[in-house]
Amino acid sequence: MTAMNLHDTWDHFPEFGIRDAFADFLGLSDLTAEIDYIHPWNNVVTTGKKSIGIYAIAPVTLDAFSKDMLSRLSAIGGYGIKYFGGRDTVIRSVAIGVGCHIPAFEALERGADLLIMVYDRALELGLRIQLAESGANMIVIEHSFAEIPAMKKMKEYIETRLAIPTVFYNEEPKYTYLSLQ
């Protein structure tokens, strides 16, 4: 049996799914709020799927949190992140979502100091620029790196719960990350 990138069915699976596994991977454990996903252009709410989670953390600067996150991502092949906001801004709460169900203004309204988002050009134009102009603190990563921890947890789930031997295969394209800074 082969399961290839079937993450959409895995997004909201408790503990092993995309959001929970990504939160665990980032060391986020103090879930303080969950929010239904609200589509940024048509305001349609995905009811019953708490795609967005807000997590309390010990106070840390945006720069320090970003460097820690980059270190964690490098363990699974992540090459870089970009962040918006002041380097010395103190972060006390982090919002994450599942895939393109990203935290936005509703997470800020619920108290999130930092939004972790996946890169999607449409979201860049339609939402992220507005968030940046409003002063929101954001980290943007490649989409797949928010999902790899859950794909590894899916392997664990299949092996332990279904007693089926599995192999996790992930070969993200290698690229050179170049920065002017």
N, C-alpha and C. Protein backbone atom coordinates (compact mmCIF):
# COMPACT_ATOMS: atom_id res chain seq x y z
N MET A 1 0.85 -1.17 0.00
CA MET A 1 0.00 0.00 0.00
C MET A 1 0.89 1.23 0.00
N THR A 2 0.51 2.22 -0.78
CA THR A 2 1.24 3.48 -0.82
C THR A 2 0.28 4.61 -0.49
N ALA A 3 0.69 5.46 0.43
CA ALA A 3 -0.09 6.66 0.75
C ALA A 3 0.79 7.85 0.38
N MET A 4 0.32 8.64 -0.55
CA MET A 4 1.12 9.76 -1.01
C MET A 4 0.44 11.07 -0.70
N ASN A 5 1.02 11.86 0.15
CA ASN A 5 0.60 13.22 0.43
C ASN A 5 -0.92 13.36 0.58
N LEU A 6 -1.49 12.52 1.40
CA LEU A 6 -2.93 12.57 1.65
C LEU A 6 -3.22 13.42 2.87
N HIS A 7 -2.53 14.52 2.98
CA HIS A 7 -2.59 15.31 4.21
C HIS A 7 -3.94 15.97 4.46
N ASP A 8 -4.71 16.30 3.43
CA ASP A 8 -5.95 17.02 3.68
C ASP A 8 -6.91 16.24 4.58
N THR A 9 -6.86 14.93 4.50
CA THR A 9 -7.69 14.11 5.40
C THR A 9 -7.06 14.03 6.78
N TRP A 10 -5.87 14.45 6.89
CA TRP A 10 -5.09 14.33 8.13
C TRP A 10 -5.00 15.67 8.87
N ASP A 11 -5.50 16.74 8.27
CA ASP A 11 -5.36 18.08 8.85
C ASP A 11 -5.82 18.17 10.30
N HIS A 12 -7.00 17.68 10.58
CA HIS A 12 -7.62 17.90 11.89
C HIS A 12 -7.61 16.66 12.76
N PHE A 13 -6.84 15.66 12.40
CA PHE A 13 -6.77 14.43 13.18
C PHE A 13 -6.10 14.75 14.52
N PRO A 14 -6.73 14.40 15.64
CA PRO A 14 -6.15 14.76 16.95
C PRO A 14 -4.75 14.18 17.16
N GLU A 15 -3.89 14.99 17.70
CA GLU A 15 -2.52 14.65 18.11
C GLU A 15 -1.60 14.35 16.93
N PHE A 16 -2.02 13.56 15.98
CA PHE A 16 -1.16 13.16 14.87
C PHE A 16 -1.34 14.02 13.63
N GLY A 17 -2.42 14.79 13.55
CA GLY A 17 -2.74 15.58 12.36
C GLY A 17 -1.82 16.77 12.17
N ILE A 18 -2.06 17.49 11.08
CA ILE A 18 -1.16 18.56 10.66
C ILE A 18 -0.93 19.60 11.76
N ARG A 19 -2.00 20.22 12.26
CA ARG A 19 -1.80 21.30 13.23
C ARG A 19 -1.17 20.80 14.51
N ASP A 20 -1.68 19.72 15.07
CA ASP A 20 -1.16 19.24 16.35
C ASP A 20 0.28 18.75 16.23
N ALA A 21 0.60 18.06 15.15
CA ALA A 21 1.96 17.57 14.96
C ALA A 21 2.93 18.72 14.74
N PHE A 22 2.50 19.75 13.98
CA PHE A 22 3.36 20.90 13.74
C PHE A 22 3.58 21.66 15.04
N ALA A 23 2.53 21.82 15.84
CA ALA A 23 2.67 22.49 17.14
C ALA A 23 3.66 21.73 18.02
N ASP A 24 3.53 20.42 18.07
CA ASP A 24 4.45 19.60 18.86
C ASP A 24 5.88 19.75 18.35
N PHE A 25 6.05 19.72 17.03
CA PHE A 25 7.37 19.89 16.42
C PHE A 25 8.01 21.22 16.81
N LEU A 26 7.18 22.27 16.91
CA LEU A 26 7.70 23.60 17.27
C LEU A 26 7.83 23.79 18.78
N GLY A 27 7.40 22.80 19.56
CA GLY A 27 7.47 22.93 21.02
C GLY A 27 6.32 23.73 21.60
N LEU A 28 5.23 23.86 20.84
CA LEU A 28 4.06 24.60 21.32
C LEU A 28 3.11 23.61 21.99
N SER A 29 2.82 23.82 23.25
CA SER A 29 1.98 22.85 23.96
C SER A 29 0.81 23.48 24.72
N ASP A 30 0.87 24.77 24.99
CA ASP A 30 -0.16 25.42 25.79
C ASP A 30 -1.22 26.05 24.89
N LEU A 31 -2.14 25.22 24.38
CA LEU A 31 -3.20 25.68 23.49
C LEU A 31 -4.19 26.52 24.28
N THR A 32 -4.34 27.79 23.89
CA THR A 32 -5.24 28.69 24.62
C THR A 32 -6.52 29.02 23.86
N ALA A 33 -6.51 28.83 22.54
CA ALA A 33 -7.71 29.12 21.74
C ALA A 33 -7.64 28.36 20.43
N GLU A 34 -8.83 28.03 19.92
CA GLU A 34 -8.96 27.43 18.59
C GLU A 34 -9.96 28.26 17.80
N ILE A 35 -9.72 28.39 16.51
CA ILE A 35 -10.55 29.23 15.67
C ILE A 35 -10.90 28.46 14.41
N ASP A 36 -12.18 28.51 14.01
CA ASP A 36 -12.57 27.98 12.71
C ASP A 36 -11.86 28.78 11.64
N TYR A 37 -11.53 28.13 10.54
CA TYR A 37 -10.89 28.83 9.43
C TYR A 37 -11.90 29.75 8.75
N ILE A 38 -11.49 30.98 8.50
CA ILE A 38 -12.31 31.95 7.78
C ILE A 38 -11.56 32.29 6.49
N HIS A 39 -12.16 31.95 5.36
CA HIS A 39 -11.51 32.21 4.07
C HIS A 39 -11.29 33.72 3.93
N PRO A 40 -10.06 34.16 3.58
CA PRO A 40 -9.74 35.59 3.59
C PRO A 40 -10.45 36.43 2.55
N TRP A 41 -10.97 35.84 1.46
CA TRP A 41 -11.59 36.66 0.43
C TRP A 41 -13.10 36.66 0.47
N ASN A 42 -13.70 35.55 0.88
CA ASN A 42 -15.16 35.51 0.84
C ASN A 42 -15.78 35.34 2.23
N ASN A 43 -14.94 35.33 3.26
CA ASN A 43 -15.37 35.22 4.66
C ASN A 43 -16.20 33.98 4.97
N VAL A 44 -16.08 32.95 4.14
CA VAL A 44 -16.76 31.68 4.41
C VAL A 44 -16.04 30.99 5.56
N VAL A 45 -16.81 30.55 6.55
CA VAL A 45 -16.24 29.90 7.73
C VAL A 45 -16.32 28.39 7.55
N THR A 46 -15.19 27.71 7.79
CA THR A 46 -15.17 26.26 7.78
C THR A 46 -15.56 25.81 9.18
N THR A 47 -16.83 25.63 9.41
CA THR A 47 -17.37 25.34 10.74
C THR A 47 -17.00 23.93 11.18
N GLY A 48 -16.65 23.82 12.45
CA GLY A 48 -16.37 22.51 13.03
C GLY A 48 -14.95 22.03 12.84
N LYS A 49 -14.18 22.73 12.05
CA LYS A 49 -12.78 22.36 11.87
C LYS A 49 -11.94 23.48 12.44
N LYS A 50 -11.48 23.28 13.63
CA LYS A 50 -10.69 24.29 14.32
C LYS A 50 -9.27 24.29 13.74
N SER A 51 -9.14 24.84 12.55
CA SER A 51 -7.88 24.83 11.83
C SER A 51 -6.78 25.62 12.52
N ILE A 52 -7.15 26.69 13.19
CA ILE A 52 -6.16 27.60 13.76
C ILE A 52 -6.09 27.43 15.26
N GLY A 53 -4.87 27.31 15.76
CA GLY A 53 -4.65 27.21 17.19
C GLY A 53 -3.74 28.33 17.65
N ILE A 54 -4.02 28.86 18.83
CA ILE A 54 -3.17 29.88 19.44
C ILE A 54 -2.56 29.26 20.69
N TYR A 55 -1.24 29.39 20.82
CA TYR A 55 -0.49 28.74 21.89
C TYR A 55 0.27 29.80 22.68
N ALA A 56 0.19 29.70 24.00
CA ALA A 56 0.96 30.58 24.87
C ALA A 56 2.39 30.03 24.96
N ILE A 57 3.36 30.94 24.99
CA ILE A 57 4.76 30.54 25.13
C ILE A 57 5.43 31.46 26.15
N ALA A 58 6.57 31.03 26.64
CA ALA A 58 7.38 31.91 27.49
C ALA A 58 7.84 33.09 26.65
N PRO A 59 7.85 34.29 27.20
CA PRO A 59 8.24 35.47 26.41
C PRO A 59 9.61 35.30 25.76
N VAL A 60 9.66 35.62 24.48
CA VAL A 60 10.89 35.51 23.69
C VAL A 60 10.81 36.55 22.58
N THR A 61 11.95 37.03 22.11
CA THR A 61 11.93 37.99 21.01
C THR A 61 11.58 37.28 19.71
N LEU A 62 11.04 38.04 18.79
CA LEU A 62 10.71 37.51 17.48
C LEU A 62 11.96 36.93 16.81
N ASP A 63 13.08 37.61 16.94
CA ASP A 63 14.32 37.14 16.34
C ASP A 63 14.75 35.80 16.94
N ALA A 64 14.69 35.67 18.25
CA ALA A 64 15.09 34.42 18.91
C ALA A 64 14.14 33.28 18.54
N PHE A 65 12.84 33.55 18.52
CA PHE A 65 11.87 32.52 18.14
C PHE A 65 12.12 32.08 16.70
N SER A 66 12.38 33.04 15.81
CA SER A 66 12.62 32.73 14.40
C SER A 66 13.86 31.86 14.23
N LYS A 67 14.92 32.18 14.96
CA LYS A 67 16.15 31.39 14.86
C LYS A 67 15.93 29.97 15.40
N ASP A 68 15.17 29.84 16.49
CA ASP A 68 14.87 28.51 17.01
C ASP A 68 14.04 27.72 16.00
N MET A 69 13.06 28.38 15.40
CA MET A 69 12.22 27.71 14.41
C MET A 69 13.05 27.27 13.21
N LEU A 70 13.94 28.11 12.74
CA LEU A 70 14.80 27.75 11.62
C LEU A 70 15.66 26.54 11.98
N SER A 71 16.18 26.51 13.19
CA SER A 71 16.97 25.37 13.64
C SER A 71 16.15 24.08 13.60
N ARG A 72 14.91 24.16 14.09
CA ARG A 72 14.03 22.99 14.07
C ARG A 72 13.74 22.55 12.63
N LEU A 73 13.45 23.52 11.76
CA LEU A 73 13.14 23.19 10.37
C LEU A 73 14.34 22.60 9.64
N SER A 74 15.53 23.04 10.00
CA SER A 74 16.71 22.51 9.32
C SER A 74 16.87 21.01 9.56
N ALA A 75 16.34 20.51 10.66
CA ALA A 75 16.40 19.08 10.96
C ALA A 75 15.57 18.25 9.98
N ILE A 76 14.60 18.88 9.31
CA ILE A 76 13.77 18.15 8.34
C ILE A 76 13.98 18.68 6.92
N GLY A 77 15.05 19.41 6.70
CA GLY A 77 15.37 19.87 5.36
C GLY A 77 14.99 21.29 5.05
N GLY A 78 14.47 22.04 6.03
CA GLY A 78 14.09 23.42 5.80
C GLY A 78 15.31 24.31 5.67
N TYR A 79 15.30 25.17 4.68
CA TYR A 79 16.45 26.01 4.39
C TYR A 79 16.32 27.43 4.88
N GLY A 80 15.12 27.90 5.05
CA GLY A 80 14.99 29.29 5.42
C GLY A 80 13.56 29.65 5.78
N ILE A 81 13.44 30.78 6.41
CA ILE A 81 12.15 31.37 6.73
C ILE A 81 12.26 32.86 6.42
N LYS A 82 11.14 33.53 6.36
CA LYS A 82 11.20 34.98 6.35
C LYS A 82 10.25 35.45 7.43
N TYR A 83 10.62 36.53 8.06
CA TYR A 83 9.71 37.04 9.08
C TYR A 83 9.51 38.53 8.93
N PHE A 84 8.35 38.95 9.41
CA PHE A 84 7.94 40.35 9.38
C PHE A 84 7.74 40.79 10.82
N GLY A 85 8.21 41.97 11.14
CA GLY A 85 8.06 42.50 12.49
C GLY A 85 9.40 42.91 13.05
N GLY A 86 9.37 43.52 14.21
CA GLY A 86 10.60 43.99 14.84
C GLY A 86 11.38 42.86 15.49
N ARG A 87 12.66 42.82 15.24
CA ARG A 87 13.52 41.76 15.78
C ARG A 87 13.37 41.61 17.29
N ASP A 88 13.24 42.73 17.99
CA ASP A 88 13.19 42.70 19.45
C ASP A 88 11.77 42.67 20.01
N THR A 89 10.78 42.52 19.15
CA THR A 89 9.40 42.42 19.61
C THR A 89 9.26 41.17 20.48
N VAL A 90 8.65 41.32 21.64
CA VAL A 90 8.46 40.18 22.54
C VAL A 90 7.19 39.44 22.14
N ILE A 91 7.35 38.13 21.97
CA ILE A 91 6.26 37.25 21.57
C ILE A 91 5.85 36.41 22.78
N ARG A 92 4.54 36.37 23.05
CA ARG A 92 4.01 35.57 24.16
C ARG A 92 2.98 34.54 23.70
N SER A 93 2.53 34.68 22.45
CA SER A 93 1.55 33.73 21.91
C SER A 93 1.75 33.58 20.41
N VAL A 94 1.59 32.35 19.94
CA VAL A 94 1.85 32.01 18.55
C VAL A 94 0.61 31.34 17.96
N ALA A 95 0.22 31.76 16.77
CA ALA A 95 -0.91 31.14 16.06
C ALA A 95 -0.39 30.36 14.86
N ILE A 96 -0.88 29.13 14.73
CA ILE A 96 -0.57 28.31 13.56
C ILE A 96 -1.87 27.75 13.01
N GLY A 97 -1.81 27.26 11.78
CA GLY A 97 -2.98 26.66 11.16
C GLY A 97 -2.61 25.37 10.48
N VAL A 98 -3.46 24.93 9.57
CA VAL A 98 -3.19 23.72 8.79
C VAL A 98 -3.11 24.13 7.33
N GLY A 99 -1.98 23.84 6.69
CA GLY A 99 -1.83 24.17 5.28
C GLY A 99 -2.13 25.63 5.00
N CYS A 100 -3.00 25.87 4.03
CA CYS A 100 -3.37 27.25 3.69
C CYS A 100 -4.47 27.80 4.59
N HIS A 101 -4.92 27.03 5.56
CA HIS A 101 -5.81 27.57 6.60
C HIS A 101 -4.91 28.28 7.60
N ILE A 102 -4.55 29.49 7.26
CA ILE A 102 -3.54 30.21 8.02
C ILE A 102 -4.18 31.19 9.00
N PRO A 103 -3.48 31.48 10.08
CA PRO A 103 -4.00 32.50 11.00
C PRO A 103 -3.89 33.88 10.37
N ALA A 104 -4.87 34.73 10.67
CA ALA A 104 -4.86 36.08 10.11
C ALA A 104 -5.43 37.04 11.14
N PHE A 105 -6.20 38.00 10.70
CA PHE A 105 -6.70 39.04 11.60
C PHE A 105 -7.48 38.47 12.78
N GLU A 106 -8.25 37.39 12.55
CA GLU A 106 -9.03 36.82 13.65
C GLU A 106 -8.12 36.28 14.76
N ALA A 107 -6.94 35.79 14.40
CA ALA A 107 -5.99 35.32 15.42
C ALA A 107 -5.39 36.50 16.18
N LEU A 108 -5.12 37.59 15.48
CA LEU A 108 -4.63 38.79 16.16
C LEU A 108 -5.68 39.31 17.14
N GLU A 109 -6.94 39.30 16.71
CA GLU A 109 -8.02 39.76 17.58
C GLU A 109 -8.17 38.89 18.82
N ARG A 110 -7.78 37.63 18.71
CA ARG A 110 -7.87 36.70 19.85
C ARG A 110 -6.60 36.70 20.68
N GLY A 111 -5.65 37.58 20.37
CA GLY A 111 -4.47 37.75 21.21
C GLY A 111 -3.17 37.17 20.72
N ALA A 112 -3.11 36.64 19.51
CA ALA A 112 -1.85 36.10 18.99
C ALA A 112 -0.86 37.23 18.74
N ASP A 113 0.36 37.04 19.20
CA ASP A 113 1.44 38.00 18.94
C ASP A 113 2.19 37.68 17.65
N LEU A 114 2.12 36.43 17.21
CA LEU A 114 2.88 35.98 16.05
C LEU A 114 2.02 35.01 15.25
N LEU A 115 2.02 35.20 13.93
CA LEU A 115 1.30 34.31 13.01
C LEU A 115 2.32 33.52 12.22
N ILE A 116 2.22 32.20 12.23
CA ILE A 116 3.08 31.37 11.40
C ILE A 116 2.25 30.93 10.21
N MET A 117 2.76 31.25 9.02
CA MET A 117 2.01 31.05 7.79
C MET A 117 2.84 30.26 6.79
N VAL A 118 2.14 29.58 5.89
CA VAL A 118 2.85 28.91 4.80
C VAL A 118 2.84 29.83 3.59
N TYR A 119 3.86 29.66 2.75
CA TYR A 119 3.97 30.51 1.57
C TYR A 119 2.96 30.10 0.52
N ASP A 120 2.21 31.04 0.05
CA ASP A 120 1.27 30.88 -1.05
C ASP A 120 1.16 32.26 -1.67
N ARG A 121 1.45 32.38 -2.95
CA ARG A 121 1.50 33.69 -3.59
C ARG A 121 0.16 34.42 -3.51
N ALA A 122 -0.94 33.70 -3.68
CA ALA A 122 -2.25 34.35 -3.61
C ALA A 122 -2.46 34.94 -2.21
N LEU A 123 -2.04 34.21 -1.20
CA LEU A 123 -2.18 34.72 0.16
C LEU A 123 -1.24 35.89 0.41
N GLU A 124 -0.10 35.90 -0.26
CA GLU A 124 0.83 37.02 -0.15
C GLU A 124 0.15 38.30 -0.62
N LEU A 125 -0.46 38.23 -1.78
CA LEU A 125 -1.08 39.42 -2.36
C LEU A 125 -2.36 39.82 -1.63
N GLY A 126 -3.19 38.82 -1.30
CA GLY A 126 -4.50 39.13 -0.76
C GLY A 126 -4.57 39.30 0.73
N LEU A 127 -3.55 38.84 1.45
CA LEU A 127 -3.65 38.88 2.90
C LEU A 127 -2.37 39.30 3.61
N ARG A 128 -1.25 38.68 3.25
CA ARG A 128 -0.03 38.92 4.02
C ARG A 128 0.44 40.37 3.92
N ILE A 129 0.28 40.98 2.78
CA ILE A 129 0.68 42.39 2.65
C ILE A 129 -0.17 43.25 3.57
N GLN A 130 -1.49 42.98 3.63
CA GLN A 130 -2.35 43.74 4.54
C GLN A 130 -1.93 43.52 6.00
N LEU A 131 -1.61 42.29 6.35
CA LEU A 131 -1.17 42.00 7.71
C LEU A 131 0.13 42.73 8.04
N ALA A 132 1.08 42.70 7.10
CA ALA A 132 2.36 43.39 7.32
C ALA A 132 2.14 44.89 7.47
N GLU A 133 1.27 45.45 6.64
CA GLU A 133 1.00 46.89 6.73
C GLU A 133 0.31 47.26 8.04
N SER A 134 -0.40 46.30 8.63
CA SER A 134 -1.07 46.58 9.91
C SER A 134 -0.12 46.38 11.09
N GLY A 135 1.11 45.91 10.81
CA GLY A 135 2.09 45.74 11.87
C GLY A 135 2.12 44.35 12.48
N ALA A 136 1.45 43.38 11.86
CA ALA A 136 1.43 42.01 12.40
C ALA A 136 2.82 41.38 12.32
N ASN A 137 3.16 40.61 13.33
CA ASN A 137 4.38 39.81 13.32
C ASN A 137 4.06 38.48 12.65
N MET A 138 4.86 38.11 11.66
CA MET A 138 4.60 36.88 10.91
C MET A 138 5.90 36.16 10.58
N ILE A 139 5.82 34.84 10.56
CA ILE A 139 6.87 34.00 10.01
C ILE A 139 6.24 33.25 8.85
N VAL A 140 6.94 33.20 7.72
CA VAL A 140 6.45 32.51 6.54
C VAL A 140 7.43 31.41 6.20
N ILE A 141 6.89 30.20 6.02
CA ILE A 141 7.72 29.05 5.66
C ILE A 141 7.13 28.37 4.43
N GLU A 142 7.90 27.51 3.81
CA GLU A 142 7.39 26.71 2.71
C GLU A 142 6.29 25.79 3.22
N HIS A 143 5.27 25.62 2.41
CA HIS A 143 4.08 24.86 2.79
C HIS A 143 4.41 23.45 3.32
N SER A 144 5.26 22.74 2.62
CA SER A 144 5.52 21.35 2.99
C SER A 144 6.15 21.21 4.37
N PHE A 145 6.91 22.20 4.80
CA PHE A 145 7.59 22.06 6.08
C PHE A 145 6.65 22.16 7.27
N ALA A 146 5.45 22.68 7.06
CA ALA A 146 4.44 22.65 8.12
C ALA A 146 3.74 21.30 8.17
N GLU A 147 3.91 20.50 7.12
CA GLU A 147 3.21 19.22 7.04
C GLU A 147 4.10 18.01 7.29
N ILE A 148 5.39 18.13 7.09
CA ILE A 148 6.30 17.00 7.25
C ILE A 148 6.20 16.37 8.64
N PRO A 149 6.17 17.16 9.73
CA PRO A 149 6.05 16.52 11.05
C PRO A 149 4.81 15.62 11.16
N ALA A 150 3.71 16.02 10.56
CA ALA A 150 2.49 15.20 10.63
C ALA A 150 2.59 13.97 9.73
N MET A 151 3.28 14.10 8.62
CA MET A 151 3.46 12.93 7.77
C MET A 151 4.31 11.88 8.51
N LYS A 152 5.28 12.34 9.28
CA LYS A 152 6.07 11.42 10.10
C LYS A 152 5.19 10.80 11.20
N LYS A 153 4.30 11.61 11.76
CA LYS A 153 3.39 11.08 12.78
C LYS A 153 2.39 10.10 12.17
N MET A 154 2.02 10.31 10.91
CA MET A 154 1.13 9.37 10.24
C MET A 154 1.81 8.00 10.13
N LYS A 155 3.09 8.02 9.80
CA LYS A 155 3.87 6.77 9.75
C LYS A 155 3.82 6.09 11.11
N GLU A 156 4.07 6.86 12.16
CA GLU A 156 4.03 6.32 13.53
C GLU A 156 2.64 5.76 13.85
N TYR A 157 1.60 6.48 13.47
CA TYR A 157 0.23 6.04 13.73
C TYR A 157 -0.07 4.72 13.03
N ILE A 158 0.29 4.62 11.76
CA ILE A 158 0.03 3.39 10.99
C ILE A 158 0.77 2.22 11.61
N GLU A 159 2.02 2.45 12.01
CA GLU A 159 2.82 1.36 12.60
C GLU A 159 2.27 0.92 13.95
N THR A 160 1.95 1.88 14.82
CA THR A 160 1.55 1.51 16.18
C THR A 160 0.08 1.12 16.28
N ARG A 161 -0.80 1.82 15.59
CA ARG A 161 -2.23 1.55 15.72
C ARG A 161 -2.72 0.46 14.79
N LEU A 162 -2.11 0.36 13.61
CA LEU A 162 -2.56 -0.61 12.63
C LEU A 162 -1.60 -1.79 12.47
N ALA A 163 -0.45 -1.69 13.13
CA ALA A 163 0.57 -2.75 13.09
C ALA A 163 1.00 -3.08 11.66
N ILE A 164 1.15 -2.03 10.85
CA ILE A 164 1.62 -2.21 9.48
C ILE A 164 2.99 -1.55 9.37
N PRO A 165 4.01 -2.28 8.95
CA PRO A 165 5.33 -1.66 8.77
C PRO A 165 5.26 -0.57 7.70
N THR A 166 5.88 0.56 7.95
CA THR A 166 5.85 1.66 7.00
C THR A 166 7.24 2.27 6.83
N VAL A 167 7.39 2.98 5.75
CA VAL A 167 8.62 3.71 5.47
C VAL A 167 8.22 5.14 5.16
N PHE A 168 8.82 6.10 5.84
CA PHE A 168 8.57 7.50 5.53
C PHE A 168 9.57 7.92 4.47
N TYR A 169 9.06 8.39 3.37
CA TYR A 169 9.92 8.85 2.29
C TYR A 169 9.60 10.31 2.03
N ASN A 170 10.61 11.13 2.09
CA ASN A 170 10.44 12.55 1.81
C ASN A 170 11.70 13.02 1.11
N GLU A 171 11.53 13.52 -0.06
CA GLU A 171 12.67 14.06 -0.78
C GLU A 171 12.28 15.43 -1.33
N GLU A 172 12.37 16.42 -0.47
CA GLU A 172 12.08 17.79 -0.90
C GLU A 172 13.17 18.23 -1.87
N PRO A 173 12.81 18.96 -2.91
CA PRO A 173 13.83 19.46 -3.83
C PRO A 173 14.84 20.33 -3.08
N LYS A 174 16.08 20.12 -3.35
CA LYS A 174 17.13 20.90 -2.71
C LYS A 174 17.31 22.21 -3.47
N TYR A 175 17.47 23.27 -2.73
CA TYR A 175 17.73 24.55 -3.36
C TYR A 175 18.69 25.34 -2.49
N THR A 176 19.25 26.38 -3.06
CA THR A 176 20.17 27.25 -2.34
C THR A 176 19.37 28.45 -1.85
N TYR A 177 19.48 28.73 -0.57
CA TYR A 177 18.79 29.87 0.01
C TYR A 177 19.78 31.02 0.08
N LEU A 178 19.49 32.09 -0.59
CA LEU A 178 20.39 33.23 -0.69
C LEU A 178 19.72 34.43 -0.04
N SER A 179 20.47 35.14 0.77
CA SER A 179 19.94 36.31 1.43
C SER A 179 20.92 37.46 1.33
N LEU A 180 20.42 38.67 1.26
CA LEU A 180 21.29 39.85 1.20
C LEU A 180 21.73 40.29 2.60
N GLN A 181 21.14 39.69 3.61
CA GLN A 181 21.48 40.12 4.98
C GLN A 181 22.59 39.28 5.55
